[in-house]
Protein backbone atom coordinates (compact mmCIF):
# COMPACT_ATOMS: atom_id res chain seq x y z
CA UNK A 1 98.15 88.92 79.02
CA UNK A 2 101.32 90.86 78.23
CA UNK A 3 102.96 89.47 75.07
CA UNK A 4 106.28 87.79 75.73
CA UNK A 5 108.89 86.92 73.16
CA UNK A 6 107.94 83.54 71.59
CA UNK A 7 109.99 80.53 72.62
CA UNK A 8 110.21 79.26 69.04
CA UNK A 9 111.46 82.65 67.84
CA UNK A 10 114.58 82.46 69.99
CA UNK A 11 117.54 81.97 67.71
CA UNK A 12 120.36 79.70 68.87
CA UNK A 13 120.78 78.52 72.49
CA UNK A 14 119.62 75.07 71.40
CA UNK A 15 121.10 73.25 74.41
CA UNK A 16 119.53 75.74 76.81
CA UNK A 17 116.13 75.39 75.16
CA UNK A 18 116.44 71.60 75.14
CA UNK A 19 117.28 71.52 78.86
CA UNK A 20 114.21 73.65 79.62
CA UNK A 21 111.94 71.43 77.52
CA UNK A 22 113.24 68.21 79.08
CA UNK A 23 112.70 69.41 82.64
CA UNK A 24 109.22 70.61 81.62
CA UNK A 25 108.38 67.17 80.24
CA UNK A 26 109.76 65.48 83.36
CA UNK A 27 109.93 67.90 86.33
CA UNK A 28 111.57 65.16 88.43
CA UNK A 29 114.80 65.99 86.57
CA UNK A 30 115.25 68.70 89.18
CA UNK A 31 115.53 71.93 87.25
CA UNK A 32 118.15 73.70 85.18
CA UNK A 33 121.24 75.70 86.14
CA UNK A 34 122.36 78.16 83.47
CA UNK A 35 125.85 79.60 83.49
CA UNK A 36 127.40 82.10 81.14
CA UNK A 37 127.52 85.54 79.63
CA UNK A 38 125.19 88.41 80.44
CA UNK A 39 122.97 89.69 77.66
CA UNK A 40 122.45 86.32 76.01
CA UNK A 41 118.67 86.17 76.54
CA UNK A 42 118.56 83.82 79.54
CA UNK A 43 115.63 85.57 81.23
CA UNK A 44 113.87 86.12 77.91
CA UNK A 45 114.12 82.40 77.13
CA UNK A 46 112.75 81.31 80.51
CA UNK A 47 109.85 83.78 80.31
CA UNK A 48 109.18 82.58 76.78
CA UNK A 49 108.91 79.00 78.04
CA UNK A 50 106.35 80.04 80.67
CA UNK A 51 104.37 81.87 77.99
CA UNK A 52 104.54 78.81 75.70
CA UNK A 53 103.07 76.59 78.43
CA UNK A 54 100.39 79.08 79.54
CA UNK A 55 96.77 78.55 78.63
CA UNK A 56 93.58 80.29 79.82
CA UNK A 57 92.14 77.11 81.38
CA UNK A 58 95.27 76.25 83.38
CA UNK A 59 97.60 79.23 83.90
CA UNK A 60 101.31 78.45 84.12
CA UNK A 61 102.86 80.56 86.92
CA UNK A 62 106.17 82.30 86.47
CA UNK A 63 107.73 83.56 89.71
CA UNK A 64 110.95 85.55 89.76
CA UNK A 65 112.59 85.15 93.16
CA UNK A 66 114.81 88.15 93.99
CA UNK A 67 118.19 87.34 95.53
CA UNK A 68 117.49 89.69 98.45
CA UNK A 69 114.00 88.35 99.23
CA UNK A 70 113.21 87.93 102.94
CA UNK A 71 112.32 84.60 104.50
CA UNK A 72 108.68 85.69 104.98
CA UNK A 73 108.38 86.70 101.36
CA UNK A 74 109.84 83.43 100.14
CA UNK A 75 108.10 81.03 102.53
CA UNK A 76 105.00 83.00 103.51
CA UNK A 77 103.65 84.46 106.73
CA UNK A 78 100.55 84.89 108.86
CA UNK A 79 98.31 87.70 107.60
CA UNK A 80 98.51 90.08 110.56
CA UNK A 81 95.62 92.27 109.39
CA UNK A 82 93.20 89.34 109.37
CA UNK A 83 94.63 88.04 112.65
CA UNK A 84 94.07 91.40 114.39
CA UNK A 85 90.73 92.34 112.84
CA UNK A 86 89.08 88.96 112.46
CA UNK A 87 90.89 87.02 115.18
CA UNK A 88 91.72 84.13 112.86
CA UNK A 89 94.88 82.85 111.31
CA UNK A 90 95.30 82.95 107.56
CA UNK A 91 98.45 82.20 105.65
CA UNK A 92 99.80 84.80 103.26
CA UNK A 93 101.43 82.67 100.60
CA UNK A 94 105.09 83.11 99.82
CA UNK A 95 106.85 82.99 96.48
CA UNK A 96 107.51 79.25 96.75
CA UNK A 97 103.79 78.51 97.08
CA UNK A 98 102.96 81.02 94.33
CA UNK A 99 105.27 79.09 91.97
CA UNK A 100 103.29 75.86 92.50
CA UNK A 101 102.62 74.27 89.11
CA UNK A 102 104.93 76.63 87.24
CA UNK A 103 108.45 78.02 87.09
CA UNK A 104 110.54 79.45 89.92
CA UNK A 105 113.27 81.56 88.35
CA UNK A 106 116.29 82.86 90.27
CA UNK A 107 118.77 85.16 88.60
CA UNK A 108 122.24 85.09 90.21
CA UNK A 109 121.24 82.01 92.19
CA UNK A 110 124.81 81.71 93.52
CA UNK A 111 124.22 84.88 95.55
CA UNK A 112 121.07 83.57 97.24
CA UNK A 113 121.05 83.10 101.01
CA UNK A 114 122.17 79.55 101.85
CA UNK A 115 119.21 78.88 104.15
CA UNK A 116 116.67 80.00 101.55
CA UNK A 117 118.46 77.92 98.94
CA UNK A 118 118.29 74.82 101.13
CA UNK A 119 114.56 75.31 101.76
CA UNK A 120 113.63 75.81 98.13
CA UNK A 121 115.69 72.82 97.00
CA UNK A 122 113.97 70.68 99.63
CA UNK A 123 110.59 72.01 98.46
CA UNK A 124 111.54 71.31 94.86
CA UNK A 125 112.32 67.66 95.64
CA UNK A 126 109.45 66.99 98.06
CA UNK A 127 106.69 69.00 96.40
CA UNK A 128 106.10 71.39 99.29
CA UNK A 129 107.10 72.51 102.76
CA UNK A 130 105.70 73.26 106.20
CA UNK A 131 105.30 76.92 107.03
CA UNK A 132 105.99 77.32 110.76
CA UNK A 133 104.92 80.72 112.11
CA UNK A 134 103.78 81.78 115.61
CA UNK A 135 102.35 78.39 116.55
CA UNK A 136 100.92 77.88 113.06
CA UNK A 137 102.04 74.85 111.07
CA UNK A 138 100.61 74.73 107.55
CA UNK A 139 101.63 72.61 104.58
CA UNK A 140 102.26 74.59 101.41
CA UNK A 141 102.13 72.80 98.06
CA UNK A 142 105.12 73.86 96.03
CA UNK A 143 105.90 71.79 92.95
CA UNK A 144 107.77 73.87 90.45
CA UNK A 145 110.45 73.81 87.79
CA UNK A 146 113.54 75.42 89.30
CA UNK A 147 115.66 77.47 86.92
CA UNK A 148 118.69 79.37 88.18
CA UNK A 149 121.22 81.50 86.35
CA UNK A 150 124.66 82.49 87.52
CA UNK A 151 127.98 83.96 86.46
CA UNK A 152 130.73 81.78 88.02
CA UNK A 153 133.01 84.83 88.18
CA UNK A 154 130.68 86.30 90.83
CA UNK A 155 130.90 83.30 93.14
CA UNK A 156 130.39 79.55 93.08
CA UNK A 157 127.53 77.43 94.34
CA UNK A 158 128.26 75.01 97.15
CA UNK A 159 128.99 71.57 95.61
CA UNK A 160 126.04 69.95 97.37
CA UNK A 161 123.71 72.62 95.98
CA UNK A 162 125.23 72.45 92.52
CA UNK A 163 124.50 68.73 92.40
CA UNK A 164 120.82 69.31 93.21
CA UNK A 165 120.26 70.95 89.82
CA UNK A 166 119.45 68.11 87.47
CA UNK A 167 120.67 69.73 84.27
CA UNK A 168 123.32 72.36 83.61
CA UNK A 169 124.09 74.35 80.48
CA UNK A 170 126.57 77.09 79.64
CA UNK A 171 125.21 79.90 77.49
CA UNK A 172 127.69 81.86 75.42
CA UNK A 173 127.49 84.89 73.16
CA UNK A 174 126.76 83.78 69.56
CA UNK A 175 129.89 83.75 67.41
CA UNK A 176 128.12 83.35 64.07
CA UNK A 177 127.42 86.71 62.40
CA UNK A 178 124.35 85.45 60.51
CA UNK A 179 122.83 84.24 63.77
CA UNK A 180 123.61 87.54 65.45
CA UNK A 181 121.96 89.41 62.57
CA UNK A 182 118.84 87.25 62.90
CA UNK A 183 118.68 87.90 66.64
CA UNK A 184 118.89 91.65 66.07
CA UNK A 185 116.25 91.63 63.33
CA UNK A 186 113.78 89.60 65.37
CA UNK A 187 114.27 91.68 68.49
CA UNK A 188 113.68 94.94 66.63
CA UNK A 189 110.58 93.45 64.98
CA UNK A 190 109.23 92.37 68.38
CA UNK A 191 109.88 95.76 69.96
CA UNK A 192 108.19 97.56 67.04
CA UNK A 193 105.09 95.38 67.04
CA UNK A 194 104.85 92.74 69.80
CA UNK A 195 101.36 91.53 68.89
CA UNK A 196 102.18 91.12 65.21
CA UNK A 197 105.45 89.37 65.99
CA UNK A 198 103.80 86.96 68.42
CA UNK A 199 101.06 86.26 65.87
CA UNK A 200 103.69 85.38 63.24
CA UNK A 201 105.01 82.61 65.51
CA UNK A 202 101.62 81.50 66.86
CA UNK A 203 101.49 78.27 64.86
CA UNK A 204 105.02 77.17 65.75
CA UNK A 205 104.23 77.93 69.40
CA UNK A 206 101.11 75.77 69.24
CA UNK A 207 103.08 72.96 67.62
CA UNK A 208 105.72 73.12 70.34
CA UNK A 209 103.06 73.19 73.05
CA UNK A 210 101.43 70.10 71.55
CA UNK A 211 104.79 68.33 71.32
CA UNK A 212 105.54 68.98 75.00
CA UNK A 213 102.07 67.86 76.14
CA UNK A 214 102.27 64.72 74.00
CA UNK A 215 105.71 63.93 75.40
CA UNK A 216 104.31 64.17 78.92
CA UNK A 217 101.66 61.57 78.09
CA UNK A 218 104.19 59.25 76.42
CA UNK A 219 106.85 59.52 79.13
CA UNK A 220 105.85 56.50 81.21
CA UNK A 221 105.45 54.34 78.10
CA UNK A 222 109.02 54.80 76.87
CA UNK A 223 111.00 51.55 76.93
CA UNK A 224 114.56 51.50 78.30
CA UNK A 225 116.66 48.46 77.44
CA UNK A 226 119.21 46.75 79.66
CA UNK A 227 121.94 47.82 77.23
CA UNK A 228 120.91 51.45 77.69
CA UNK A 229 121.27 51.19 81.47
CA UNK A 230 124.74 49.70 81.00
CA UNK A 231 125.72 52.41 78.52
CA UNK A 232 124.66 55.14 80.94
CA UNK A 233 126.59 53.48 83.76
CA UNK A 234 129.62 53.43 81.46
CA UNK A 235 129.28 57.18 80.78
CA UNK A 236 129.13 58.00 84.47
CA UNK A 237 132.06 55.76 85.37
CA UNK A 238 134.20 57.38 82.67
CA UNK A 239 133.35 60.82 83.99
CA UNK A 240 133.93 59.75 87.61
CA UNK A 241 130.53 61.12 88.66
CA UNK A 242 129.97 60.70 92.40
CA UNK A 243 126.98 58.72 93.60
CA UNK A 244 124.10 57.51 91.43
CA UNK A 245 122.31 60.80 90.77
CA UNK A 246 123.97 61.32 87.36
CA UNK A 247 123.08 57.81 86.17
CA UNK A 248 119.42 58.22 87.10
CA UNK A 249 119.19 61.70 85.62
CA UNK A 250 120.71 60.66 82.28
CA UNK A 251 118.16 57.85 82.02
CA UNK A 252 115.33 60.25 82.83
CA UNK A 253 116.59 62.91 80.42
CA UNK A 254 117.05 60.36 77.61
CA UNK A 255 113.55 59.05 78.24
CA UNK A 256 112.13 62.59 78.09
CA UNK A 257 114.06 63.28 74.89
CA UNK A 258 112.72 60.09 73.28
CA UNK A 259 109.17 61.06 74.26
CA UNK A 260 109.72 64.58 72.89
CA UNK A 261 110.89 62.96 69.64
CA UNK A 262 107.63 60.96 69.62
CA UNK A 263 109.39 57.63 70.13
CA UNK A 264 108.64 54.84 72.60
CA UNK A 265 112.17 53.54 73.11
CA UNK A 266 115.40 55.20 74.25
CA UNK A 267 118.29 54.93 71.80
CA UNK A 268 122.03 55.29 72.24
CA UNK A 269 121.78 58.57 70.33
CA UNK A 270 119.34 59.87 72.96
CA UNK A 271 121.84 59.09 75.70
CA UNK A 272 124.66 60.86 73.86
CA UNK A 273 122.43 63.87 73.22
CA UNK A 274 121.41 64.49 76.83
CA UNK A 275 124.40 63.20 78.81
CA UNK A 276 126.37 66.49 78.55
CA UNK A 277 123.50 68.34 80.24
CA UNK A 278 123.72 66.03 83.25
CA UNK A 279 127.49 65.63 83.40
CA UNK A 280 128.49 69.25 82.73
CA UNK A 281 128.61 70.06 86.46
CA UNK A 282 129.36 66.56 87.73
CA UNK A 283 132.18 65.24 85.59
CA UNK A 284 135.66 65.07 87.05
CA UNK A 285 137.16 64.08 83.73
CA UNK A 286 136.62 65.97 80.49
CA UNK A 287 136.22 64.03 77.21
CA UNK A 288 137.72 60.75 78.44
CA UNK A 289 138.22 57.88 75.99
CA UNK A 290 135.54 55.21 76.15
CA UNK A 291 136.39 51.69 77.23
CA UNK A 292 135.88 50.42 73.69
CA UNK A 293 138.28 53.10 72.45
CA UNK A 294 140.83 52.05 75.04
CA UNK A 295 140.55 48.45 73.85
CA UNK A 296 140.90 49.62 70.24
CA UNK A 297 144.02 51.53 71.22
CA UNK A 298 145.53 48.46 72.84
CA UNK A 299 144.93 46.34 69.73
CA UNK A 300 145.44 49.02 67.07
CA UNK A 301 147.66 48.08 64.07
CA UNK A 302 151.23 49.25 64.41
CA UNK A 303 152.06 52.39 62.37
CA UNK A 304 155.41 50.95 61.40
CA UNK A 305 153.57 48.34 59.28
CA UNK A 306 152.05 51.12 57.22
CA UNK A 307 148.63 50.76 58.86
CA UNK A 308 146.95 53.63 60.66
CA UNK A 309 143.98 53.60 62.97
CA UNK A 310 141.65 56.58 63.33
CA UNK A 311 139.44 56.77 66.40
CA UNK A 312 136.30 58.75 66.92
CA UNK A 313 135.81 60.32 70.33
CA UNK A 314 132.80 60.86 72.48
CA UNK A 315 132.07 64.55 72.76
CA UNK A 316 130.63 64.69 76.22
């Protein structure tokens, strides 16, 4: 197998890596949309995740869906050679079926044909699709983790499609010079000796793989209190998120984060940690004051009595 850059060797992009891990632990989160600068290692990071999750017994597919791919290539077709020579119908699997059990990665997802986008989002939510070709109707299993990248300057996604991505993260060019130096050093070391570099991170990769697999087994055992549900509802109301999708996704993401942290109960800190990933592309209000903060403001001591009140804000 060709050596890919190790996931645990990627420096920075913590929110991006967290979003990928959460949707790997709970694929029902609905995938990750990544927005931001070119040259920030988006593709490298996604490939690294696929490599992290790969094992010889159960390969983890990684399928890169080109923006200009035809419908037959994406959905599949009837194998004409077998039909002509052997007089029988056999399905030639498309990219969606090939991604079953793995990652479907789309660079510049905002430029993808609307029809193809609708089909793959439906497949992502239902676990497959019917291939209808020349009288043939065949079900194709297609459960995958959908990861799309885009530069908003090159065009927006339709709102209804944007909402179908469970998590969203913006990746920016590192501003810290020490971090940039580390990225350069590691990349040069990998290019000079891929096998040696991969070997140096082999143990941390195994530890991460074990953590993800353990989190998957713990997921359904994680307890969510009534107060947590109310707190999540409060977040979504403050951000004026439409519908109930955001509420459900924050609960799922917080549960996955608790399981990844090897805990069996969701905490308020878990909610705060994952909520920005869900609300980033759904919020209609940025950094609103919480209801408790509003109450504090109403009853805050008057400055003219020499008393001052300092509030902390939610950084969502």
